C-alpha atoms as a PDB file:
ATOM      1  CA  MET A   1      -9.560 -21.824   2.625  1.00  0.00           C
ATOM      2  CA  ALA A   2     -11.073 -18.463   3.444  1.00  0.00           C
ATOM      3  CA  THR A   3      -9.226 -15.178   3.523  1.00  0.00           C
ATOM      4  CA  LYS A   4      -9.748 -12.412   6.029  1.00  0.00           C
ATOM      5  CA  LYS A   5     -12.139  -9.770   4.762  1.00  0.00           C
ATOM      6  CA  SER A   6     -12.121  -6.196   5.935  1.00  0.00           C
ATOM      7  CA  SER A   7     -15.307  -4.559   7.086  1.00  0.00           C
ATOM      8  CA  THR A   8     -14.771  -1.393   5.029  1.00  0.00           C
ATOM      9  CA  GLY A   9     -14.511  -2.967   1.591  1.00  0.00           C
ATOM     10  CA  ASN A  10     -12.443  -0.103   0.165  1.00  0.00           C
ATOM     11  CA  HIS A  11      -8.692  -0.479   0.211  1.00  0.00           C
ATOM     12  CA  THR A  12      -5.781   1.582  -1.010  1.00  0.00           C
ATOM     13  CA  ASP A  13      -3.200  -0.029  -3.276  1.00  0.00           C
ATOM     14  CA  ILE A  14       0.341   1.198  -2.677  1.00  0.00           C
ATOM     15  CA  ARG A  15       3.238   0.468  -5.019  1.00  0.00           C
ATOM     16  CA  ILE A  16       6.719   1.453  -3.849  1.00  0.00           C
ATOM     17  CA  GLY A  17       9.748   1.420  -6.131  1.00  0.00           C
ATOM     18  CA  ILE A  18      13.033   0.536  -4.476  1.00  0.00           C
ATOM     19  CA  SER A  19      16.215   2.192  -5.777  1.00  0.00           C
ATOM     20  CA  ASP A  20      19.009  -0.120  -6.941  1.00  0.00           C
ATOM     21  CA  SER A  21      16.458  -2.925  -7.391  1.00  0.00           C
ATOM     22  CA  ASN A  22      14.079  -3.977 -10.135  1.00  0.00           C
ATOM     23  CA  GLN A  23      11.581  -5.194  -7.516  1.00  0.00           C
ATOM     24  CA  GLU A  24       8.613  -3.203  -6.242  1.00  0.00           C
ATOM     25  CA  LEU A  25       6.651  -3.500  -3.019  1.00  0.00           C
ATOM     26  CA  ASN A  26       2.890  -3.880  -3.379  1.00  0.00           C
ATOM     27  CA  ILE A  27       0.853  -3.197  -0.263  1.00  0.00           C
ATOM     28  CA  GLU A  28      -2.903  -3.129   0.215  1.00  0.00           C
ATOM     29  CA  SER A  29      -3.919  -0.899   3.133  1.00  0.00           C
ATOM     30  CA  ASP A  30      -7.115   0.111   4.936  1.00  0.00           C
ATOM     31  CA  LEU A  31      -5.879   3.710   5.154  1.00  0.00           C
ATOM     32  CA  PRO A  32      -7.374   6.259   2.753  1.00  0.00           C
ATOM     33  CA  ALA A  33      -5.086   7.418  -0.069  1.00  0.00           C
ATOM     34  CA  SER A  34      -4.728  10.912   1.432  1.00  0.00           C
ATOM     35  CA  LYS A  35      -3.433   9.457   4.739  1.00  0.00           C
ATOM     36  CA  VAL A  36      -0.936   7.232   2.907  1.00  0.00           C
ATOM     37  CA  ILE A  37       0.380  10.247   1.001  1.00  0.00           C
ATOM     38  CA  GLU A  38       0.708  12.177   4.277  1.00  0.00           C
ATOM     39  CA  GLU A  39       2.719   9.337   5.853  1.00  0.00           C
ATOM     40  CA  VAL A  40       5.012   9.018   2.814  1.00  0.00           C
ATOM     41  CA  THR A  41       5.595  12.772   2.691  1.00  0.00           C
ATOM     42  CA  ALA A  42       6.293  12.930   6.430  1.00  0.00           C
ATOM     43  CA  ALA A  43       8.820  10.082   6.167  1.00  0.00           C
ATOM     44  CA  LEU A  44      10.598  11.707   3.229  1.00  0.00           C
ATOM     45  CA  ASP A  45      10.682  15.144   4.907  1.00  0.00           C
ATOM     46  CA  SER A  46      11.901  13.837   8.265  1.00  0.00           C
ATOM     47  CA  GLY A  47      14.511  11.421   6.912  1.00  0.00           C
ATOM     48  CA  LYS A  48      13.001   8.534   8.887  1.00  0.00           C
ATOM     49  CA  SER A  49      11.937   5.139   7.535  1.00  0.00           C
ATOM     50  CA  LEU A  50       8.463   4.704   6.056  1.00  0.00           C
ATOM     51  CA  ILE A  51       6.315   2.259   8.020  1.00  0.00           C
ATOM     52  CA  LEU A  52       3.040   1.039   6.487  1.00  0.00           C
ATOM     53  CA  THR A  53       0.582  -1.583   7.761  1.00  0.00           C
ATOM     54  CA  ASP A  54      -1.315  -3.801   5.306  1.00  0.00           C
ATOM     55  CA  ILE A  55      -4.884  -5.111   5.600  1.00  0.00           C
ATOM     56  CA  ARG A  56      -3.712  -8.204   7.489  1.00  0.00           C
ATOM     57  CA  GLY A  57      -1.815  -6.207  10.110  1.00  0.00           C
ATOM     58  CA  ARG A  58       1.694  -6.876   8.769  1.00  0.00           C
ATOM     59  CA  GLN A  59       4.060  -3.928   8.877  1.00  0.00           C
ATOM     60  CA  THR A  60       6.487  -3.010   6.116  1.00  0.00           C
ATOM     61  CA  VAL A  61       9.463  -0.760   6.841  1.00  0.00           C
ATOM     62  CA  VAL A  62      11.229   0.950   3.929  1.00  0.00           C
ATOM     63  CA  ALA A  63      14.406   2.988   4.348  1.00  0.00           C
ATOM     64  CA  ASN A  64      13.857   6.595   3.334  1.00  0.00           C
ATOM     65  CA  SER A  65      16.961   6.635   1.105  1.00  0.00           C
ATOM     66  CA  LYS A  66      15.769   3.600  -0.892  1.00  0.00           C
ATOM     67  CA  ILE A  67      12.357   4.960  -1.979  1.00  0.00           C
ATOM     68  CA  SER A  68      12.442   5.832  -5.687  1.00  0.00           C
ATOM     69  CA  PHE A  69       8.679   6.320  -6.190  1.00  0.00           C
ATOM     70  CA  VAL A  70       5.349   5.709  -4.476  1.00  0.00           C
ATOM     71  CA  GLU A  71       2.144   5.119  -6.415  1.00  0.00           C
ATOM     72  CA  VAL A  72      -1.117   5.333  -4.460  1.00  0.00           C
ATOM     73  CA  GLY A  73      -4.591   4.474  -5.727  1.00  0.00           C
ATOM     74  CA  GLU A  74      -7.930   3.132  -4.596  1.00  0.00           C
ATOM     75  CA  SER A  75      -8.431  -0.555  -5.316  1.00  0.00           C
ATOM     76  CA  ALA A  76     -11.642  -1.821  -6.832  1.00  0.00           C
ATOM     77  CA  ASP A  77     -13.611  -4.744  -5.487  1.00  0.00           C
ATOM     78  CA  ARG A  78     -12.304  -7.963  -6.961  1.00  0.00           C
ATOM     79  CA  ARG A  79     -14.981 -10.126  -8.470  1.00  0.00           C
ATOM     80  CA  VAL A  80     -14.584 -13.829  -9.012  1.00  0.00           C
ATOM     81  CA  GLY A  81     -16.643 -15.916 -11.383  1.00  0.00           C
ATOM     82  CA  PHE A  82     -18.484 -15.528 -14.623  1.00  0.00           C
ATOM     83  CA  ALA A  83     -21.631 -13.482 -14.984  1.00  0.00           C
ATOM     84  CA  THR A  84     -23.378 -11.350 -17.519  1.00  0.00           C
ATOM     85  CA  ILE A  85     -23.883  -7.750 -16.601  1.00  0.00           C
END
């Protein structure tokens, strides 16, 4: 079974903490980290829900009042297999 690969190769990992819950949301997005931070900041400033789209086109909506933290970072290419470097 093959998975969909993006043409860019670089993705942004987003981890969102939800208040009143011990669960976190993990999203992998094609957006650059700076754009993700802009969207999070805009949602927090405006009082509207945060809407993010992952690399497969699925949208996640998080209520502004439930966001406890957002961690944004560039993801590295995942390598599978054994090799000597």
